[in-house]
């Protein structure tokens, strides 16, 4: 497999862009471009933001916010899972200890 970058054409908010893409990442890039296009179109249709540059910045802020929220949710879920596992481990240790005492 070649390590050379592939040039992929993406269409965002009525404009075409040529983007360098690592091998095997074409579909992911196209999916990302499509998501960005959808976000920018939604902002433009709201009529609250005018200008492609401002629309792009707002879309970038919205997407960044989504990613950060997902990260915080993942961190919280990981913390909660870790806490649940610690409690379960303590209960298992207590149960095993009780059984050992009953065997004596």
C-alpha atoms as a PDB file:
ATOM      1  CA  UNK A   1       0.000   0.000   0.000  1.00  0.00           C
ATOM      2  CA  UNK A   2       1.368   3.399  -0.998  1.00  0.00           C
ATOM      3  CA  UNK A   3       1.906   6.197   1.500  1.00  0.00           C
ATOM      4  CA  UNK A   4       1.291   8.854  -1.131  1.00  0.00           C
ATOM      5  CA  UNK A   5      -1.517  11.276  -0.501  1.00  0.00           C
ATOM      6  CA  UNK A   6      -4.561  11.056  -2.708  1.00  0.00           C
ATOM      7  CA  UNK A   7      -6.328  14.169  -3.977  1.00  0.00           C
ATOM      8  CA  UNK A   8     -10.047  14.088  -3.232  1.00  0.00           C
ATOM      9  CA  UNK A   9     -12.602  16.591  -4.475  1.00  0.00           C
ATOM     10  CA  UNK A  10     -15.173  17.661  -1.880  1.00  0.00           C
ATOM     11  CA  UNK A  11     -18.182  19.908  -2.355  1.00  0.00           C
ATOM     12  CA  UNK A  12     -18.976  22.282   0.526  1.00  0.00           C
ATOM     13  CA  UNK A  13     -21.556  25.046   0.380  1.00  0.00           C
ATOM     14  CA  UNK A  14     -21.682  25.197  -3.423  1.00  0.00           C
ATOM     15  CA  UNK A  15     -17.896  25.179  -3.882  1.00  0.00           C
ATOM     16  CA  UNK A  16     -15.484  22.410  -4.844  1.00  0.00           C
ATOM     17  CA  UNK A  17     -12.230  21.914  -2.962  1.00  0.00           C
ATOM     18  CA  UNK A  18      -9.301  19.634  -3.745  1.00  0.00           C
ATOM     19  CA  UNK A  19      -8.065  18.068  -0.496  1.00  0.00           C
ATOM     20  CA  UNK A  20      -5.006  15.884   0.098  1.00  0.00           C
ATOM     21  CA  UNK A  21      -6.025  12.667   1.791  1.00  0.00           C
ATOM     22  CA  UNK A  22      -3.973   9.848   3.373  1.00  0.00           C
ATOM     23  CA  UNK A  23      -4.417   6.368   1.889  1.00  0.00           C
ATOM     24  CA  UNK A  24      -7.533   4.616   3.150  1.00  0.00           C
ATOM     25  CA  UNK A  25      -9.151   7.806   4.487  1.00  0.00           C
ATOM     26  CA  UNK A  26     -11.165   8.822   1.415  1.00  0.00           C
ATOM     27  CA  UNK A  27     -14.574   7.726   2.728  1.00  0.00           C
ATOM     28  CA  UNK A  28     -13.972   9.327   6.103  1.00  0.00           C
ATOM     29  CA  UNK A  29     -12.961  12.587   4.446  1.00  0.00           C
ATOM     30  CA  UNK A  30     -16.044  12.577   2.222  1.00  0.00           C
ATOM     31  CA  UNK A  31     -18.258  11.876   5.241  1.00  0.00           C
ATOM     32  CA  UNK A  32     -16.629  14.739   7.151  1.00  0.00           C
ATOM     33  CA  UNK A  33     -17.048  17.112   4.224  1.00  0.00           C
ATOM     34  CA  UNK A  34     -20.698  16.124   3.882  1.00  0.00           C
ATOM     35  CA  UNK A  35     -21.291  16.746   7.598  1.00  0.00           C
ATOM     36  CA  UNK A  36     -19.597  20.152   7.378  1.00  0.00           C
ATOM     37  CA  UNK A  37     -21.679  21.007   4.305  1.00  0.00           C
ATOM     38  CA  UNK A  38     -24.887  20.110   6.164  1.00  0.00           C
ATOM     39  CA  UNK A  39     -23.895  22.195   9.179  1.00  0.00           C
ATOM     40  CA  UNK A  40     -22.987  25.200   7.054  1.00  0.00           C
ATOM     41  CA  UNK A  41     -26.210  24.958   5.044  1.00  0.00           C
ATOM     42  CA  UNK A  42     -28.268  24.843   8.238  1.00  0.00           C
ATOM     43  CA  UNK A  43     -26.514  27.978   9.529  1.00  0.00           C
ATOM     44  CA  UNK A  44     -26.976  29.774   6.213  1.00  0.00           C
ATOM     45  CA  UNK A  45     -30.673  28.822   6.079  1.00  0.00           C
ATOM     46  CA  UNK A  46     -31.241  30.201   9.569  1.00  0.00           C
ATOM     47  CA  UNK A  47     -30.536  33.648   8.101  1.00  0.00           C
ATOM     48  CA  UNK A  48     -28.783  34.749  11.298  1.00  0.00           C
ATOM     49  CA  UNK A  49     -25.251  34.572   9.880  1.00  0.00           C
ATOM     50  CA  UNK A  50     -24.205  36.169   6.621  1.00  0.00           C
ATOM     51  CA  UNK A  51     -21.006  35.498   4.709  1.00  0.00           C
ATOM     52  CA  UNK A  52     -19.298  32.226   3.922  1.00  0.00           C
ATOM     53  CA  UNK A  53     -16.388  32.914   6.252  1.00  0.00           C
ATOM     54  CA  UNK A  54     -18.677  33.642   9.214  1.00  0.00           C
ATOM     55  CA  UNK A  55     -20.808  30.597   8.396  1.00  0.00           C
ATOM     56  CA  UNK A  56     -17.646  28.446   8.323  1.00  0.00           C
ATOM     57  CA  UNK A  57     -16.505  29.818  11.698  1.00  0.00           C
ATOM     58  CA  UNK A  58     -19.927  29.197  13.264  1.00  0.00           C
ATOM     59  CA  UNK A  59     -19.995  25.651  11.854  1.00  0.00           C
ATOM     60  CA  UNK A  60     -16.483  25.041  13.202  1.00  0.00           C
ATOM     61  CA  UNK A  61     -17.526  26.316  16.629  1.00  0.00           C
ATOM     62  CA  UNK A  62     -20.646  24.149  16.648  1.00  0.00           C
ATOM     63  CA  UNK A  63     -18.741  21.036  15.582  1.00  0.00           C
ATOM     64  CA  UNK A  64     -15.978  21.731  18.127  1.00  0.00           C
ATOM     65  CA  UNK A  65     -18.612  22.094  20.827  1.00  0.00           C
ATOM     66  CA  UNK A  66     -20.205  18.771  19.820  1.00  0.00           C
ATOM     67  CA  UNK A  67     -16.825  17.023  19.984  1.00  0.00           C
ATOM     68  CA  UNK A  68     -15.996  18.502  23.372  1.00  0.00           C
ATOM     69  CA  UNK A  69     -19.406  17.533  24.749  1.00  0.00           C
ATOM     70  CA  UNK A  70     -18.900  13.972  23.508  1.00  0.00           C
ATOM     71  CA  UNK A  71     -15.467  13.932  25.123  1.00  0.00           C
ATOM     72  CA  UNK A  72     -16.863  15.141  28.446  1.00  0.00           C
ATOM     73  CA  UNK A  73     -19.648  12.562  28.264  1.00  0.00           C
ATOM     74  CA  UNK A  74     -17.126   9.830  27.509  1.00  0.00           C
ATOM     75  CA  UNK A  75     -14.909  10.949  30.394  1.00  0.00           C
ATOM     76  CA  UNK A  76     -17.895  10.988  32.759  1.00  0.00           C
ATOM     77  CA  UNK A  77     -19.082   7.574  31.577  1.00  0.00           C
ATOM     78  CA  UNK A  78     -15.567   6.187  31.966  1.00  0.00           C
ATOM     79  CA  UNK A  79     -15.341   7.636  35.468  1.00  0.00           C
ATOM     80  CA  UNK A  80     -18.795   6.272  36.375  1.00  0.00           C
ATOM     81  CA  UNK A  81     -17.897   2.851  34.983  1.00  0.00           C
ATOM     82  CA  UNK A  82     -14.625   2.852  36.905  1.00  0.00           C
ATOM     83  CA  UNK A  83     -16.470   3.736  40.113  1.00  0.00           C
ATOM     84  CA  UNK A  84     -19.045   0.991  39.533  1.00  0.00           C
ATOM     85  CA  UNK A  85     -16.267  -1.532  38.894  1.00  0.00           C
ATOM     86  CA  UNK A  86     -14.480  -0.510  42.115  1.00  0.00           C
ATOM     87  CA  UNK A  87     -17.697  -0.939  44.102  1.00  0.00           C
ATOM     88  CA  UNK A  88     -18.366  -4.307  42.470  1.00  0.00           C
ATOM     89  CA  UNK A  89     -14.805  -5.419  43.206  1.00  0.00           C
ATOM     90  CA  UNK A  90     -15.222  -4.416  46.864  1.00  0.00           C
ATOM     91  CA  UNK A  91     -18.496  -6.355  47.079  1.00  0.00           C
ATOM     92  CA  UNK A  92     -16.861  -9.414  45.511  1.00  0.00           C
ATOM     93  CA  UNK A  93     -13.943  -9.186  47.940  1.00  0.00           C
ATOM     94  CA  UNK A  94     -16.370  -8.906  50.862  1.00  0.00           C
ATOM     95  CA  UNK A  95     -18.418 -11.881  49.616  1.00  0.00           C
ATOM     96  CA  UNK A  96     -15.323 -14.045  49.111  1.00  0.00           C
ATOM     97  CA  UNK A  97     -14.082 -13.069  52.549  1.00  0.00           C
ATOM     98  CA  UNK A  98     -17.469 -14.030  54.073  1.00  0.00           C
ATOM     99  CA  UNK A  99     -17.387 -17.439  52.369  1.00  0.00           C
ATOM    100  CA  UNK A 100     -13.840 -18.079  53.617  1.00  0.00           C
ATOM    101  CA  UNK A 101     -14.907 -17.256  57.164  1.00  0.00           C
ATOM    102  CA  UNK A 102     -17.901 -19.617  56.871  1.00  0.00           C
ATOM    103  CA  UNK A 103     -15.614 -22.442  55.703  1.00  0.00           C
ATOM    104  CA  UNK A 104     -13.506 -22.156  58.841  1.00  0.00           C
END
